[in-house]
Amino acid sequence: EYDRLRLYAIKRQRDTLEELRSNGTIGDEAYHRLEEEIDWSELAASPAGSFQPLTTY
């Protein structure tokens, strides 16, 4: 349950990041730095051996 909630929160972070980029609030460099942090968080929250990306941008 905890991991499922964590993954949901990560999905929301990713959605917010996409919104910030699309409306010009952040640039490409900031976007990619934050995207990498979110990617690592997503990997850490996924059960071992069962990682499946939440998004396929």
PDB file of N, CA and C in Angstrom:
ATOM      1  N   GLU A   1       0.827  -1.195   0.000  1.00  0.00           N
ATOM      2  CA  GLU A   1       0.000   0.000   0.000  1.00  0.00           C
ATOM      3  C   GLU A   1       0.874   1.264   0.000  1.00  0.00           C
ATOM      4  N   TYR A   2       1.900   1.252   0.867  1.00  0.00           N
ATOM      5  CA  TYR A   2       2.796   2.415   0.950  1.00  0.00           C
ATOM      6  C   TYR A   2       3.471   2.678  -0.394  1.00  0.00           C
ATOM      7  N   ASP A   3       4.002   1.613  -1.027  1.00  0.00           N
ATOM      8  CA  ASP A   3       4.676   1.793  -2.312  1.00  0.00           C
ATOM      9  C   ASP A   3       3.708   2.271  -3.387  1.00  0.00           C
ATOM     10  N   ARG A   4       2.485   1.788  -3.353  1.00  0.00           N
ATOM     11  CA  ARG A   4       1.493   2.219  -4.331  1.00  0.00           C
ATOM     12  C   ARG A   4       1.221   3.716  -4.175  1.00  0.00           C
ATOM     13  N   LEU A   5       1.102   4.165  -2.939  1.00  0.00           N
ATOM     14  CA  LEU A   5       0.885   5.597  -2.692  1.00  0.00           C
ATOM     15  C   LEU A   5       2.100   6.417  -3.099  1.00  0.00           C
ATOM     16  N   ARG A   6       3.279   5.876  -2.819  1.00  0.00           N
ATOM     17  CA  ARG A   6       4.512   6.563  -3.221  1.00  0.00           C
ATOM     18  C   ARG A   6       4.575   6.710  -4.738  1.00  0.00           C
ATOM     19  N   LEU A   7       4.235   5.638  -5.443  1.00  0.00           N
ATOM     20  CA  LEU A   7       4.259   5.691  -6.902  1.00  0.00           C
ATOM     21  C   LEU A   7       3.212   6.671  -7.437  1.00  0.00           C
ATOM     22  N   TYR A   8       2.075   6.759  -6.782  1.00  0.00           N
ATOM     23  CA  TYR A   8       1.060   7.735  -7.184  1.00  0.00           C
ATOM     24  C   TYR A   8       1.599   9.158  -7.003  1.00  0.00           C
ATOM     25  N   ALA A   9       2.253   9.408  -5.875  1.00  0.00           N
ATOM     26  CA  ALA A   9       2.825  10.735  -5.618  1.00  0.00           C
ATOM     27  C   ALA A   9       3.888  11.073  -6.661  1.00  0.00           C
ATOM     28  N   ILE A  10       4.680  10.094  -7.036  1.00  0.00           N
ATOM     29  CA  ILE A  10       5.711  10.303  -8.055  1.00  0.00           C
ATOM     30  C   ILE A  10       5.059  10.630  -9.394  1.00  0.00           C
ATOM     31  N   LYS A  11       3.980   9.945  -9.721  1.00  0.00           N
ATOM     32  CA  LYS A  11       3.252  10.229 -10.962  1.00  0.00           C
ATOM     33  C   LYS A  11       2.757  11.672 -10.964  1.00  0.00           C
ATOM     34  N   ARG A  12       2.231  12.138  -9.847  1.00  0.00           N
ATOM     35  CA  ARG A  12       1.762  13.521  -9.743  1.00  0.00           C
ATOM     36  C   ARG A  12       2.926  14.505  -9.884  1.00  0.00           C
ATOM     37  N   GLN A  13       4.085  14.167  -9.306  1.00  0.00           N
ATOM     38  CA  GLN A  13       5.264  15.026  -9.460  1.00  0.00           C
ATOM     39  C   GLN A  13       5.646  15.132 -10.933  1.00  0.00           C
ATOM     40  N   ARG A  14       5.610  14.002 -11.615  1.00  0.00           N
ATOM     41  CA  ARG A  14       5.969  13.989 -13.034  1.00  0.00           C
ATOM     42  C   ARG A  14       4.968  14.828 -13.845  1.00  0.00           C
ATOM     43  N   ASP A  15       3.694  14.695 -13.531  1.00  0.00           N
ATOM     44  CA  ASP A  15       2.669  15.495 -14.218  1.00  0.00           C
ATOM     45  C   ASP A  15       2.894  16.990 -13.993  1.00  0.00           C
ATOM     46  N   THR A  16       3.205  17.356 -12.758  1.00  0.00           N
ATOM     47  CA  THR A  16       3.459  18.761 -12.431  1.00  0.00           C
ATOM     48  C   THR A  16       4.693  19.270 -13.155  1.00  0.00           C
ATOM     49  N   LEU A  17       5.727  18.443 -13.208  1.00  0.00           N
ATOM     50  CA  LEU A  17       6.951  18.816 -13.916  1.00  0.00           C
ATOM     51  C   LEU A  17       6.659  19.073 -15.392  1.00  0.00           C
ATOM     52  N   GLU A  18       5.870  18.204 -16.007  1.00  0.00           N
ATOM     53  CA  GLU A  18       5.496  18.391 -17.410  1.00  0.00           C
ATOM     54  C   GLU A  18       4.733  19.704 -17.603  1.00  0.00           C
ATOM     55  N   GLU A  19       3.848  20.003 -16.674  1.00  0.00           N
ATOM     56  CA  GLU A  19       3.078  21.248 -16.753  1.00  0.00           C
ATOM     57  C   GLU A  19       3.992  22.466 -16.642  1.00  0.00           C
ATOM     58  N   LEU A  20       4.944  22.421 -15.710  1.00  0.00           N
ATOM     59  CA  LEU A  20       5.881  23.535 -15.538  1.00  0.00           C
ATOM     60  C   LEU A  20       6.707  23.765 -16.799  1.00  0.00           C
ATOM     61  N   ARG A  21       7.086  22.687 -17.439  1.00  0.00           N
ATOM     62  CA  ARG A  21       7.875  22.820 -18.665  1.00  0.00           C
ATOM     63  C   ARG A  21       7.019  23.361 -19.806  1.00  0.00           C
ATOM     64  N   SER A  22       5.813  22.829 -19.936  1.00  0.00           N
ATOM     65  CA  SER A  22       4.972  23.233 -21.066  1.00  0.00           C
ATOM     66  C   SER A  22       4.516  24.686 -20.977  1.00  0.00           C
ATOM     67  N   ASN A  23       4.371  25.217 -19.755  1.00  0.00           N
ATOM     68  CA  ASN A  23       3.949  26.620 -19.656  1.00  0.00           C
ATOM     69  C   ASN A  23       5.132  27.581 -19.532  1.00  0.00           C
ATOM     70  N   GLY A  24       6.359  27.049 -19.637  1.00  0.00           N
ATOM     71  CA  GLY A  24       7.544  27.892 -19.665  1.00  0.00           C
ATOM     72  C   GLY A  24       8.062  28.336 -18.310  1.00  0.00           C
ATOM     73  N   THR A  25       7.530  27.769 -17.230  1.00  0.00           N
ATOM     74  CA  THR A  25       7.984  28.142 -15.890  1.00  0.00           C
ATOM     75  C   THR A  25       9.418  27.686 -15.649  1.00  0.00           C
ATOM     76  N   ILE A  26       9.772  26.521 -16.193  1.00  0.00           N
ATOM     77  CA  ILE A  26      11.148  26.025 -16.075  1.00  0.00           C
ATOM     78  C   ILE A  26      11.679  25.711 -17.462  1.00  0.00           C
ATOM     79  N   GLY A  27      13.001  25.793 -17.594  1.00  0.00           N
ATOM     80  CA  GLY A  27      13.645  25.497 -18.859  1.00  0.00           C
ATOM     81  C   GLY A  27      14.040  24.035 -18.973  1.00  0.00           C
ATOM     82  N   ASP A  28      14.670  23.718 -20.096  1.00  0.00           N
ATOM     83  CA  ASP A  28      15.054  22.337 -20.369  1.00  0.00           C
ATOM     84  C   ASP A  28      16.031  21.771 -19.349  1.00  0.00           C
ATOM     85  N   GLU A  29      17.032  22.562 -18.961  1.00  0.00           N
ATOM     86  CA  GLU A  29      18.037  22.052 -18.025  1.00  0.00           C
ATOM     87  C   GLU A  29      17.405  21.693 -16.681  1.00  0.00           C
ATOM     88  N   ALA A  30      16.599  22.587 -16.153  1.00  0.00           N
ATOM     89  CA  ALA A  30      15.923  22.312 -14.874  1.00  0.00           C
ATOM     90  C   ALA A  30      14.985  21.123 -15.020  1.00  0.00           C
ATOM     91  N   TYR A  31      14.280  21.066 -16.138  1.00  0.00           N
ATOM     92  CA  TYR A  31      13.362  19.956 -16.382  1.00  0.00           C
ATOM     93  C   TYR A  31      14.095  18.621 -16.326  1.00  0.00           C
ATOM     94  N   HIS A  32      15.204  18.520 -17.039  1.00  0.00           N
ATOM     95  CA  HIS A  32      15.927  17.246 -17.106  1.00  0.00           C
ATOM     96  C   HIS A  32      16.562  16.871 -15.766  1.00  0.00           C
ATOM     97  N   ARG A  33      17.029  17.848 -15.025  1.00  0.00           N
ATOM     98  CA  ARG A  33      17.573  17.556 -13.686  1.00  0.00           C
ATOM     99  C   ARG A  33      16.489  17.001 -12.767  1.00  0.00           C
ATOM    100  N   LEU A  34      15.343  17.651 -12.759  1.00  0.00           N
ATOM    101  CA  LEU A  34      14.239  17.196 -11.912  1.00  0.00           C
ATOM    102  C   LEU A  34      13.666  15.869 -12.404  1.00  0.00           C
ATOM    103  N   GLU A  35      13.623  15.702 -13.711  1.00  0.00           N
ATOM    104  CA  GLU A  35      13.138  14.442 -14.274  1.00  0.00           C
ATOM    105  C   GLU A  35      14.008  13.272 -13.809  1.00  0.00           C
ATOM    106  N   GLU A  36      15.315  13.483 -13.787  1.00  0.00           N
ATOM    107  CA  GLU A  36      16.219  12.429 -13.332  1.00  0.00           C
ATOM    108  C   GLU A  36      15.967  12.082 -11.862  1.00  0.00           C
ATOM    109  N   GLU A  37      15.760  13.091 -11.033  1.00  0.00           N
ATOM    110  CA  GLU A  37      15.458  12.832  -9.620  1.00  0.00           C
ATOM    111  C   GLU A  37      14.164  12.032  -9.474  1.00  0.00           C
ATOM    112  N   ILE A  38      13.163  12.388 -10.260  1.00  0.00           N
ATOM    113  CA  ILE A  38      11.898  11.657 -10.218  1.00  0.00           C
ATOM    114  C   ILE A  38      12.101  10.223 -10.702  1.00  0.00           C
ATOM    115  N   ASP A  39      12.898  10.044 -11.755  1.00  0.00           N
ATOM    116  CA  ASP A  39      13.187   8.696 -12.255  1.00  0.00           C
ATOM    117  C   ASP A  39      13.805   7.827 -11.167  1.00  0.00           C
ATOM    118  N   TRP A  40      14.781   8.372 -10.445  1.00  0.00           N
ATOM    119  CA  TRP A  40      15.430   7.612  -9.370  1.00  0.00           C
ATOM    120  C   TRP A  40      14.442   7.288  -8.254  1.00  0.00           C
ATOM    121  N   SER A  41      13.582   8.228  -7.932  1.00  0.00           N
ATOM    122  CA  SER A  41      12.566   7.984  -6.902  1.00  0.00           C
ATOM    123  C   SER A  41      11.612   6.877  -7.332  1.00  0.00           C
ATOM    124  N   GLU A  42      11.256   6.896  -8.600  1.00  0.00           N
ATOM    125  CA  GLU A  42      10.354   5.870  -9.128  1.00  0.00           C
ATOM    126  C   GLU A  42      11.008   4.490  -9.065  1.00  0.00           C
ATOM    127  N   LEU A  43      12.272   4.423  -9.420  1.00  0.00           N
ATOM    128  CA  LEU A  43      12.993   3.147  -9.326  1.00  0.00           C
ATOM    129  C   LEU A  43      13.063   2.651  -7.892  1.00  0.00           C
ATOM    130  N   ALA A  44      13.346   3.541  -6.961  1.00  0.00           N
ATOM    131  CA  ALA A  44      13.463   3.160  -5.550  1.00  0.00           C
ATOM    132  C   ALA A  44      12.128   2.691  -4.981  1.00  0.00           C
ATOM    133  N   ALA A  45      11.027   3.230  -5.467  1.00  0.00           N
ATOM    134  CA  ALA A  45       9.708   2.879  -4.944  1.00  0.00           C
ATOM    135  C   ALA A  45       9.147   1.603  -5.559  1.00  0.00           C
ATOM    136  N   SER A  46       9.736   1.167  -6.667  1.00  0.00           N
ATOM    137  CA  SER A  46       9.228  -0.023  -7.350  1.00  0.00           C
ATOM    138  C   SER A  46       9.767  -1.284  -6.693  1.00  0.00           C
ATOM    139  N   PRO A  47       8.917  -2.302  -6.535  1.00  0.00           N
ATOM    140  CA  PRO A  47       9.393  -3.571  -5.976  1.00  0.00           C
ATOM    141  C   PRO A  47      10.512  -4.154  -6.839  1.00  0.00           C
ATOM    142  N   ALA A  48      11.461  -4.804  -6.206  1.00  0.00           N
ATOM    143  CA  ALA A  48      12.611  -5.377  -6.913  1.00  0.00           C
ATOM    144  C   ALA A  48      12.147  -6.301  -8.037  1.00  0.00           C
ATOM    145  N   GLY A  49      12.720  -6.099  -9.213  1.00  0.00           N
ATOM    146  CA  GLY A  49      12.438  -6.958 -10.350  1.00  0.00           C
ATOM    147  C   GLY A  49      11.118  -6.703 -11.047  1.00  0.00           C
ATOM    148  N   SER A  50      10.376  -5.722 -10.602  1.00  0.00           N
ATOM    149  CA  SER A  50       9.071  -5.501 -11.227  1.00  0.00           C
ATOM    150  C   SER A  50       8.878  -4.069 -11.706  1.00  0.00           C
ATOM    151  N   PHE A  51       9.969  -3.363 -11.969  1.00  0.00           N
ATOM    152  CA  PHE A  51       9.854  -1.972 -12.400  1.00  0.00           C
ATOM    153  C   PHE A  51       9.138  -1.892 -13.739  1.00  0.00           C
ATOM    154  N   GLN A  52       8.130  -1.044 -13.793  1.00  0.00           N
ATOM    155  CA  GLN A  52       7.443  -0.715 -15.031  1.00  0.00           C
ATOM    156  C   GLN A  52       7.236   0.788 -15.026  1.00  0.00           C
ATOM    157  N   PRO A  53       7.739   1.477 -16.027  1.00  0.00           N
ATOM    158  CA  PRO A  53       7.572   2.930 -16.050  1.00  0.00           C
ATOM    159  C   PRO A  53       6.101   3.316 -15.969  1.00  0.00           C
ATOM    160  N   LEU A  54       5.822   4.358 -15.196  1.00  0.00           N
ATOM    161  CA  LEU A  54       4.450   4.853 -15.097  1.00  0.00           C
ATOM    162  C   LEU A  54       4.055   5.604 -16.349  1.00  0.00           C
ATOM    163  N   THR A  55       5.048   6.170 -17.006  1.00  0.00           N
ATOM    164  CA  THR A  55       4.778   6.956 -18.200  1.00  0.00           C
ATOM    165  C   THR A  55       5.755   6.564 -19.285  1.00  0.00           C
ATOM    166  N   THR A  56       5.409   6.852 -20.501  1.00  0.00           N
ATOM    167  CA  THR A  56       6.299   6.584 -21.630  1.00  0.00           C
ATOM    168  C   THR A  56       6.348   7.814 -22.517  1.00  0.00           C
ATOM    169  N   TYR A  57       6.970   8.861 -22.017  1.00  0.00           N
ATOM    170  CA  TYR A  57       7.073  10.114 -22.770  1.00  0.00           C
ATOM    171  C   TYR A  57       8.044   9.958 -23.896  1.00  0.00           C
TER     172      TYR A  57
END
